[in-house]
Protein backbone atom coordinates (compact mmCIF):
# COMPACT_ATOMS: atom_id res chain seq x y z
CA MET A 1 -33.89 -100.06 64.53
CA ASN A 2 -35.78 -99.23 61.75
CA SER A 3 -36.82 -95.87 59.84
CA PRO A 4 -40.20 -95.34 60.08
CA SER A 5 -40.70 -94.02 56.24
CA GLN A 6 -40.34 -97.08 53.97
CA HIS A 7 -37.99 -96.64 50.53
CA ALA A 8 -40.55 -97.96 47.27
CA GLY A 9 -39.09 -101.29 46.66
CA SER A 10 -38.28 -102.54 50.20
CA ALA A 11 -40.44 -105.43 51.89
CA GLY A 12 -41.34 -103.12 53.97
CA ARG A 13 -43.05 -105.85 55.65
CA SER A 14 -42.78 -104.31 59.39
CA GLY A 15 -45.55 -107.39 61.00
CA GLU A 16 -47.55 -104.31 61.32
CA ASP A 17 -48.64 -102.75 58.00
CA VAL A 18 -52.38 -103.79 56.85
CA ARG A 19 -54.61 -103.80 53.68
CA VAL A 20 -57.35 -102.21 53.38
CA THR A 21 -59.68 -102.36 49.99
CA ALA A 22 -62.44 -99.32 49.87
CA VAL A 23 -64.93 -98.80 47.24
CA VAL A 24 -65.75 -95.39 46.90
CA ARG A 25 -69.25 -94.48 45.52
CA GLY A 26 -70.34 -90.92 44.18
CA VAL A 27 -69.63 -88.48 41.80
CA VAL A 28 -65.89 -89.68 41.86
CA GLN A 29 -64.87 -89.91 38.01
CA GLY A 30 -63.65 -87.47 36.05
CA VAL A 31 -63.23 -85.22 38.88
CA GLY A 32 -59.25 -85.66 40.21
CA PHE A 33 -60.06 -88.18 42.43
CA ARG A 34 -57.32 -91.00 41.54
CA TYR A 35 -54.59 -88.35 41.26
CA ARG A 36 -55.36 -86.91 44.80
CA VAL A 37 -55.92 -90.00 46.27
CA LEU A 38 -52.31 -90.86 44.91
CA ARG A 39 -50.96 -87.88 46.61
CA GLN A 40 -52.82 -88.37 49.93
CA ALA A 41 -51.18 -92.03 49.84
CA LEU A 42 -47.88 -91.04 48.76
CA LYS A 43 -47.79 -88.43 51.69
CA LEU A 44 -48.67 -91.08 53.90
CA ASN A 45 -46.47 -93.58 52.93
CA LEU A 46 -48.81 -96.52 51.69
CA THR A 47 -48.27 -98.65 48.97
CA GLY A 48 -50.97 -99.64 46.64
CA SER A 49 -53.45 -98.61 43.49
CA VAL A 50 -56.69 -96.68 43.01
CA VAL A 51 -58.38 -97.55 39.58
CA ASN A 52 -61.77 -96.36 38.35
CA MET A 53 -64.32 -99.10 37.72
CA PRO A 54 -66.93 -99.57 34.90
CA ASP A 55 -70.14 -98.82 37.26
CA GLY A 56 -68.88 -95.14 38.07
CA SER A 57 -66.92 -96.49 41.31
CA VAL A 58 -63.17 -96.08 42.07
CA VAL A 59 -60.98 -99.02 44.28
CA ILE A 60 -58.80 -98.16 46.31
CA THR A 61 -56.83 -101.04 47.33
CA ALA A 62 -53.55 -99.77 50.30
CA GLU A 63 -51.05 -100.98 52.32
CA GLY A 64 -49.41 -99.82 55.14
CA LEU A 65 -49.58 -98.83 58.87
CA PRO A 66 -53.28 -98.86 60.57
CA SER A 67 -53.02 -95.37 61.48
CA ALA A 68 -51.69 -94.47 57.86
CA LEU A 69 -54.77 -96.47 56.25
CA ASP A 70 -57.14 -94.44 58.89
CA GLY A 71 -55.93 -91.48 57.80
CA LEU A 72 -56.42 -91.74 54.06
CA LEU A 73 -60.11 -92.98 54.24
CA GLU A 74 -60.89 -90.26 56.84
CA TRP A 75 -59.42 -87.89 54.23
CA VAL A 76 -61.57 -89.76 51.31
CA ARG A 77 -64.63 -89.01 53.51
CA SER A 78 -63.51 -85.72 54.19
CA PRO A 79 -64.71 -82.27 52.29
CA SER A 80 -61.32 -81.67 51.15
CA ALA A 81 -62.02 -84.80 48.62
CA PRO A 82 -62.69 -84.28 45.17
CA GLY A 83 -66.23 -84.77 43.89
CA VAL A 84 -68.97 -85.76 45.84
CA VAL A 85 -68.42 -88.97 47.95
CA GLU A 86 -71.89 -90.84 48.53
CA SER A 87 -70.35 -93.88 50.25
CA VAL A 88 -67.23 -95.79 51.17
CA GLU A 89 -67.39 -99.99 51.66
CA GLU A 90 -64.02 -100.81 53.15
CA HIS A 91 -62.52 -104.35 53.94
CA HIS A 92 -59.45 -104.86 55.91
CA SER A 93 -57.08 -107.92 55.35
CA PRO A 94 -53.06 -108.51 56.27
CA ALA A 95 -50.44 -106.91 53.88
CA THR A 96 -49.14 -108.98 51.13
CA GLY A 97 -46.31 -106.54 50.28
CA GLU A 98 -46.93 -106.84 46.61
CA PHE A 99 -46.85 -103.36 46.10
CA SER A 100 -43.51 -101.39 45.43
CA GLY A 101 -45.31 -98.31 45.29
CA PHE A 102 -48.47 -96.45 44.62
CA ASP A 103 -50.32 -96.36 41.37
CA ALA A 104 -53.28 -94.01 40.02
CA GLY A 105 -53.64 -96.51 36.80
């Protein structure tokens, strides 16, 4: 039986992992938003990235268990997230397994 936590760099394709790509709009750049998303994602054992976009939005691409992804999106929409989140547009798709960790590049 596999451990519920997945070590970075492992194949980690449990068959249940999914991907979410979320475009977050509002005052989300220059307020520590990417760093805090990174911290939340690591707590939830997610892999992926969070990137500032030229239009002022932030794009989060994360893979992991659906419950963990829901937890991340719930946090992004909560008052705990830094800045002011005006909207979150999310798209769900199958996980690709391309990430070995979580990057706030």
